[in-house]
């Protein structure tokens, strides 16, 4: 029975901390958009923008 005097307040403090963390994350905007991050992996961004041209060394300049 004496364990309840310690375990109950600890459990209530943990639950209060979880509720406070949830309220903080909602107010901070962490839960505003739940769909876009999950759908971002499905988009093919490679075709949207062309790749930049890579500078390749000109092999004909070396043959003098």
PDB file of N, CA and C in Angstrom:
ATOM      1  N   UNK A   1       0.810  -1.190   0.000  1.00  0.00           N
ATOM      2  CA  UNK A   1       0.000   0.000   0.000  1.00  0.00           C
ATOM      3  C   UNK A   1       0.860   1.263   0.000  1.00  0.00           C
ATOM      4  N   UNK A   2       2.011   1.194   0.660  1.00  0.00           N
ATOM      5  CA  UNK A   2       2.868   2.379   0.751  1.00  0.00           C
ATOM      6  C   UNK A   2       3.516   2.702  -0.602  1.00  0.00           C
ATOM      7  N   UNK A   3       3.583   1.735  -1.494  1.00  0.00           N
ATOM      8  CA  UNK A   3       4.143   1.975  -2.827  1.00  0.00           C
ATOM      9  C   UNK A   3       3.218   2.898  -3.626  1.00  0.00           C
ATOM     10  N   UNK A   4       1.924   2.806  -3.381  1.00  0.00           N
ATOM     11  CA  UNK A   4       0.971   3.673  -4.066  1.00  0.00           C
ATOM     12  C   UNK A   4       1.196   5.147  -3.741  1.00  0.00           C
ATOM     13  N   UNK A   5       1.678   5.441  -2.529  1.00  0.00           N
ATOM     14  CA  UNK A   5       1.935   6.824  -2.156  1.00  0.00           C
ATOM     15  C   UNK A   5       3.071   7.425  -2.976  1.00  0.00           C
ATOM     16  N   UNK A   6       3.925   6.607  -3.514  1.00  0.00           N
ATOM     17  CA  UNK A   6       5.019   7.077  -4.363  1.00  0.00           C
ATOM     18  C   UNK A   6       4.678   6.925  -5.842  1.00  0.00           C
ATOM     19  N   UNK A   7       4.076   5.818  -6.225  1.00  0.00           N
ATOM     20  CA  UNK A   7       3.823   5.540  -7.636  1.00  0.00           C
ATOM     21  C   UNK A   7       2.729   6.421  -8.221  1.00  0.00           C
ATOM     22  N   UNK A   8       1.718   6.724  -7.477  1.00  0.00           N
ATOM     23  CA  UNK A   8       0.624   7.539  -7.988  1.00  0.00           C
ATOM     24  C   UNK A   8       1.055   8.973  -8.314  1.00  0.00           C
ATOM     25  N   UNK A   9       1.767   9.663  -7.438  1.00  0.00           N
ATOM     26  CA  UNK A   9       2.229  11.006  -7.816  1.00  0.00           C
ATOM     27  C   UNK A   9       3.221  11.002  -8.988  1.00  0.00           C
ATOM     28  N   UNK A  10       4.061   9.994  -9.050  1.00  0.00           N
ATOM     29  CA  UNK A  10       5.006   9.901 -10.169  1.00  0.00           C
ATOM     30  C   UNK A  10       4.249   9.683 -11.478  1.00  0.00           C
ATOM     31  N   UNK A  11       3.250   8.823 -11.455  1.00  0.00           N
ATOM     32  CA  UNK A  11       2.458   8.578 -12.660  1.00  0.00           C
ATOM     33  C   UNK A  11       1.689   9.827 -13.074  1.00  0.00           C
ATOM     34  N   UNK A  12       1.166  10.568 -12.100  1.00  0.00           N
ATOM     35  CA  UNK A  12       0.459  11.803 -12.412  1.00  0.00           C
ATOM     36  C   UNK A  12       1.398  12.862 -12.980  1.00  0.00           C
ATOM     37  N   UNK A  13       2.610  12.944 -12.475  1.00  0.00           N
ATOM     38  CA  UNK A  13       3.587  13.888 -13.014  1.00  0.00           C
ATOM     39  C   UNK A  13       3.982  13.530 -14.446  1.00  0.00           C
ATOM     40  N   UNK A  14       4.146  12.267 -14.733  1.00  0.00           N
ATOM     41  CA  UNK A  14       4.480  11.831 -16.096  1.00  0.00           C
ATOM     42  C   UNK A  14       3.324  12.138 -17.042  1.00  0.00           C
ATOM     43  N   UNK A  15       2.101  11.863 -16.607  1.00  0.00           N
ATOM     44  CA  UNK A  15       0.932  12.159 -17.440  1.00  0.00           C
ATOM     45  C   UNK A  15       0.783  13.662 -17.654  1.00  0.00           C
ATOM     46  N   UNK A  16       1.015  14.453 -16.641  1.00  0.00           N
ATOM     47  CA  UNK A  16       0.951  15.900 -16.771  1.00  0.00           C
ATOM     48  C   UNK A  16       2.034  16.411 -17.722  1.00  0.00           C
ATOM     49  N   UNK A  17       3.205  15.815 -17.660  1.00  0.00           N
ATOM     50  CA  UNK A  17       4.275  16.191 -18.590  1.00  0.00           C
ATOM     51  C   UNK A  17       3.929  15.851 -20.029  1.00  0.00           C
ATOM     52  N   UNK A  18       3.292  14.721 -20.243  1.00  0.00           N
ATOM     53  CA  UNK A  18       2.884  14.338 -21.593  1.00  0.00           C
ATOM     54  C   UNK A  18       1.809  15.275 -22.134  1.00  0.00           C
ATOM     55  N   UNK A  19       0.871  15.649 -21.308  1.00  0.00           N
ATOM     56  CA  UNK A  19      -0.173  16.590 -21.732  1.00  0.00           C
ATOM     57  C   UNK A  19       0.440  17.952 -22.029  1.00  0.00           C
ATOM     58  N   UNK A  20       1.370  18.400 -21.200  1.00  0.00           N
ATOM     59  CA  UNK A  20       2.032  19.683 -21.429  1.00  0.00           C
ATOM     60  C   UNK A  20       2.844  19.659 -22.724  1.00  0.00           C
ATOM     61  N   UNK A  21       3.523  18.559 -23.011  1.00  0.00           N
ATOM     62  CA  UNK A  21       4.286  18.438 -24.252  1.00  0.00           C
ATOM     63  C   UNK A  21       3.365  18.438 -25.466  1.00  0.00           C
ATOM     64  N   UNK A  22       2.222  17.803 -25.347  1.00  0.00           N
ATOM     65  CA  UNK A  22       1.257  17.797 -26.447  1.00  0.00           C
ATOM     66  C   UNK A  22       0.712  19.192 -26.707  1.00  0.00           C
ATOM     67  N   UNK A  23       0.355  19.902 -25.656  1.00  0.00           N
ATOM     68  CA  UNK A  23      -0.166  21.261 -25.815  1.00  0.00           C
ATOM     69  C   UNK A  23       0.900  22.172 -26.404  1.00  0.00           C
ATOM     70  N   UNK A  24       2.130  22.027 -25.959  1.00  0.00           N
ATOM     71  CA  UNK A  24       3.231  22.835 -26.497  1.00  0.00           C
ATOM     72  C   UNK A  24       3.443  22.556 -27.979  1.00  0.00           C
ATOM     73  N   UNK A  25       3.379  21.293 -28.382  1.00  0.00           N
ATOM     74  CA  UNK A  25       3.600  20.965 -29.795  1.00  0.00           C
ATOM     75  C   UNK A  25       2.445  21.454 -30.674  1.00  0.00           C
ATOM     76  N   UNK A  26       1.236  21.440 -30.166  1.00  0.00           N
ATOM     77  CA  UNK A  26       0.101  21.956 -30.938  1.00  0.00           C
ATOM     78  C   UNK A  26       0.212  23.468 -31.095  1.00  0.00           C
ATOM     79  N   UNK A  27       0.562  24.164 -30.053  1.00  0.00           N
ATOM     80  CA  UNK A  27       0.698  25.626 -30.130  1.00  0.00           C
ATOM     81  C   UNK A  27       1.884  26.041 -30.981  1.00  0.00           C
ATOM     82  N   UNK A  28       2.908  25.205 -31.035  1.00  0.00           N
ATOM     83  CA  UNK A  28       4.115  25.527 -31.797  1.00  0.00           C
ATOM     84  C   UNK A  28       3.942  25.222 -33.283  1.00  0.00           C
ATOM     85  N   UNK A  29       2.861  24.528 -33.659  1.00  0.00           N
ATOM     86  CA  UNK A  29       2.590  24.250 -35.057  1.00  0.00           C
ATOM     87  C   UNK A  29       3.155  22.938 -35.557  1.00  0.00           C
ATOM     88  N   UNK A  30       3.542  22.057 -34.687  1.00  0.00           N
ATOM     89  CA  UNK A  30       4.117  20.785 -35.098  1.00  0.00           C
ATOM     90  C   UNK A  30       3.087  19.876 -35.754  1.00  0.00           C
ATOM     91  N   UNK A  31       1.829  20.038 -35.445  1.00  0.00           N
ATOM     92  CA  UNK A  31       0.793  19.145 -35.952  1.00  0.00           C
ATOM     93  C   UNK A  31      -0.112  19.826 -36.966  1.00  0.00           C
ATOM     94  N   UNK A  32       0.353  20.916 -37.584  1.00  0.00           N
ATOM     95  CA  UNK A  32      -0.483  21.643 -38.530  1.00  0.00           C
ATOM     96  C   UNK A  32      -0.734  20.865 -39.814  1.00  0.00           C
ATOM     97  N   UNK A  33       0.300  20.291 -40.394  1.00  0.00           N
ATOM     98  CA  UNK A  33       0.172  19.609 -41.683  1.00  0.00           C
ATOM     99  C   UNK A  33       0.667  18.175 -41.537  1.00  0.00           C
ATOM    100  N   UNK A  34      -0.264  17.244 -41.474  1.00  0.00           N
ATOM    101  CA  UNK A  34       0.105  15.847 -41.284  1.00  0.00           C
ATOM    102  C   UNK A  34       0.177  15.070 -42.592  1.00  0.00           C
ATOM    103  N   UNK A  35      -0.371  15.604 -43.689  1.00  0.00           N
ATOM    104  CA  UNK A  35      -0.421  14.856 -44.938  1.00  0.00           C
ATOM    105  C   UNK A  35       0.770  15.115 -45.848  1.00  0.00           C
ATOM    106  N   UNK A  36       1.252  16.337 -45.920  1.00  0.00           N
ATOM    107  CA  UNK A  36       2.298  16.677 -46.876  1.00  0.00           C
ATOM    108  C   UNK A  36       3.592  15.903 -46.659  1.00  0.00           C
ATOM    109  N   UNK A  37       4.115  15.755 -45.438  1.00  0.00           N
ATOM    110  CA  UNK A  37       5.351  15.000 -45.294  1.00  0.00           C
ATOM    111  C   UNK A  37       5.221  13.541 -45.747  1.00  0.00           C
ATOM    112  N   UNK A  38       4.062  12.952 -45.562  1.00  0.00           N
ATOM    113  CA  UNK A  38       3.879  11.565 -45.985  1.00  0.00           C
ATOM    114  C   UNK A  38       3.781  11.450 -47.502  1.00  0.00           C
ATOM    115  N   UNK A  39       3.247  12.468 -48.158  1.00  0.00           N
ATOM    116  CA  UNK A  39       3.095  12.426 -49.612  1.00  0.00           C
ATOM    117  C   UNK A  39       4.330  12.929 -50.348  1.00  0.00           C
ATOM    118  N   UNK A  40       5.224  13.595 -49.670  1.00  0.00           N
ATOM    119  CA  UNK A  40       6.415  14.154 -50.303  1.00  0.00           C
ATOM    120  C   UNK A  40       7.304  13.060 -50.890  1.00  0.00           C
ATOM    121  N   UNK A  41       7.325  11.903 -50.285  1.00  0.00           N
ATOM    122  CA  UNK A  41       8.161  10.807 -50.775  1.00  0.00           C
ATOM    123  C   UNK A  41       7.625  10.248 -52.092  1.00  0.00           C
ATOM    124  N   UNK A  42       6.343  10.435 -52.352  1.00  0.00           N
ATOM    125  CA  UNK A  42       5.737   9.873 -53.554  1.00  0.00           C
ATOM    126  C   UNK A  42       5.919  10.750 -54.786  1.00  0.00           C
ATOM    127  N   UNK A  43       6.238  12.024 -54.600  1.00  0.00           N
ATOM    128  CA  UNK A  43       6.415  12.914 -55.736  1.00  0.00           C
ATOM    129  C   UNK A  43       7.756  12.656 -56.400  1.00  0.00           C
ATOM    130  N   UNK A  44       7.770  12.806 -57.721  1.00  0.00           N
ATOM    131  CA  UNK A  44       8.999  12.630 -58.474  1.00  0.00           C
ATOM    132  C   UNK A  44       9.589  14.006 -58.755  1.00  0.00           C
ATOM    133  N   UNK A  45      10.444  14.463 -57.870  1.00  0.00           N
ATOM    134  CA  UNK A  45      11.021  15.792 -58.010  1.00  0.00           C
ATOM    135  C   UNK A  45      12.123  15.843 -59.061  1.00  0.00           C
ATOM    136  N   UNK A  46      12.623  14.698 -59.484  1.00  0.00           N
ATOM    137  CA  UNK A  46      13.724  14.686 -60.441  1.00  0.00           C
ATOM    138  C   UNK A  46      13.293  15.206 -61.800  1.00  0.00           C
ATOM    139  N   UNK A  47      12.026  15.044 -62.170  1.00  0.00           N
ATOM    140  CA  UNK A  47      11.574  15.513 -63.477  1.00  0.00           C
ATOM    141  C   UNK A  47      11.116  16.960 -63.445  1.00  0.00           C
ATOM    142  N   UNK A  48      10.948  17.533 -62.258  1.00  0.00           N
ATOM    143  CA  UNK A  48      10.481  18.909 -62.165  1.00  0.00           C
ATOM    144  C   UNK A  48      11.555  19.908 -62.575  1.00  0.00           C
ATOM    145  N   UNK A  49      12.778  19.672 -62.166  1.00  0.00           N
ATOM    146  CA  UNK A  49      13.859  20.599 -62.459  1.00  0.00           C
ATOM    147  C   UNK A  49      14.974  19.860 -63.193  1.00  0.00           C
ATOM    148  N   UNK A  50      15.508  20.459 -64.230  1.00  0.00           N
ATOM    149  CA  UNK A  50      16.612  19.790 -64.913  1.00  0.00           C
ATOM    150  C   UNK A  50      17.871  19.816 -64.050  1.00  0.00           C
ATOM    151  N   UNK A  51      18.689  18.813 -64.213  1.00  0.00           N
ATOM    152  CA  UNK A  51      19.928  18.756 -63.462  1.00  0.00           C
ATOM    153  C   UNK A  51      20.911  19.786 -63.994  1.00  0.00           C
ATOM    154  N   UNK A  52      21.691  20.368 -63.119  1.00  0.00           N
ATOM    155  CA  UNK A  52      22.685  21.321 -63.608  1.00  0.00           C
ATOM    156  C   UNK A  52      23.781  20.592 -64.388  1.00  0.00           C
ATOM    157  N   UNK A  53      24.309  21.280 -65.396  1.00  0.00           N
ATOM    158  CA  UNK A  53      25.362  20.671 -66.202  1.00  0.00           C
ATOM    159  C   UNK A  53      26.644  20.601 -65.393  1.00  0.00           C
ATOM    160  N   UNK A  54      27.287  19.452 -65.471  1.00  0.00           N
ATOM    161  CA  UNK A  54      28.537  19.273 -64.764  1.00  0.00           C
ATOM    162  C   UNK A  54      29.680  19.660 -65.679  1.00  0.00           C
ATOM    163  N   UNK A  55      30.655  20.335 -65.113  1.00  0.00           N
ATOM    164  CA  UNK A  55      31.835  20.692 -65.881  1.00  0.00           C
ATOM    165  C   UNK A  55      32.707  19.468 -66.048  1.00  0.00           C
ATOM    166  N   UNK A  56      32.889  19.064 -67.292  1.00  0.00           N
ATOM    167  CA  UNK A  56      33.750  17.925 -67.574  1.00  0.00           C
ATOM    168  C   UNK A  56      35.017  18.453 -68.226  1.00  0.00           C
ATOM    169  N   UNK A  57      36.121  17.909 -67.853  1.00  0.00           N
ATOM    170  CA  UNK A  57      37.375  18.383 -68.471  1.00  0.00           C
ATOM    171  C   UNK A  57      37.387  18.040 -69.952  1.00  0.00           C
ATOM    172  N   UNK A  58      37.835  18.973 -70.744  1.00  0.00           N
ATOM    173  CA  UNK A  58      37.904  18.798 -72.187  1.00  0.00           C
ATOM    174  C   UNK A  58      39.149  17.985 -72.518  1.00  0.00           C
ATOM    175  N   UNK A  59      38.949  16.794 -73.021  1.00  0.00           N
ATOM    176  CA  UNK A  59      40.081  15.894 -73.303  1.00  0.00           C
ATOM    177  C   UNK A  59      40.864  16.355 -74.530  1.00  0.00           C
ATOM    178  N   UNK A  60      40.270  17.141 -75.424  1.00  0.00           N
ATOM    179  CA  UNK A  60      40.985  17.585 -76.621  1.00  0.00           C
ATOM    180  C   UNK A  60      41.978  18.703 -76.303  1.00  0.00           C
ATOM    181  N   UNK A  61      41.804  19.397 -75.180  1.00  0.00           N
ATOM    182  CA  UNK A  61      42.722  20.472 -74.815  1.00  0.00           C
ATOM    183  C   UNK A  61      44.061  19.932 -74.352  1.00  0.00           C
ATOM    184  N   UNK A  62      44.088  18.670 -73.858  1.00  0.00           N
ATOM    185  CA  UNK A  62      45.316  18.086 -73.376  1.00  0.00           C
ATOM    186  C   UNK A  62      46.214  17.617 -74.523  1.00  0.00           C
ATOM    187  N   UNK A  63      45.637  17.308 -75.634  1.00  0.00           N
ATOM    188  CA  UNK A  63      46.453  16.800 -76.763  1.00  0.00           C
ATOM    189  C   UNK A  63      46.931  17.957 -77.593  1.00  0.00           C
ATOM    190  N   UNK A  64      48.163  18.382 -77.371  1.00  0.00           N
ATOM    191  CA  UNK A  64      48.731  19.517 -78.097  1.00  0.00           C
ATOM    192  C   UNK A  64      49.648  19.052 -79.201  1.00  0.00           C
TER     193      UNK A  64
END
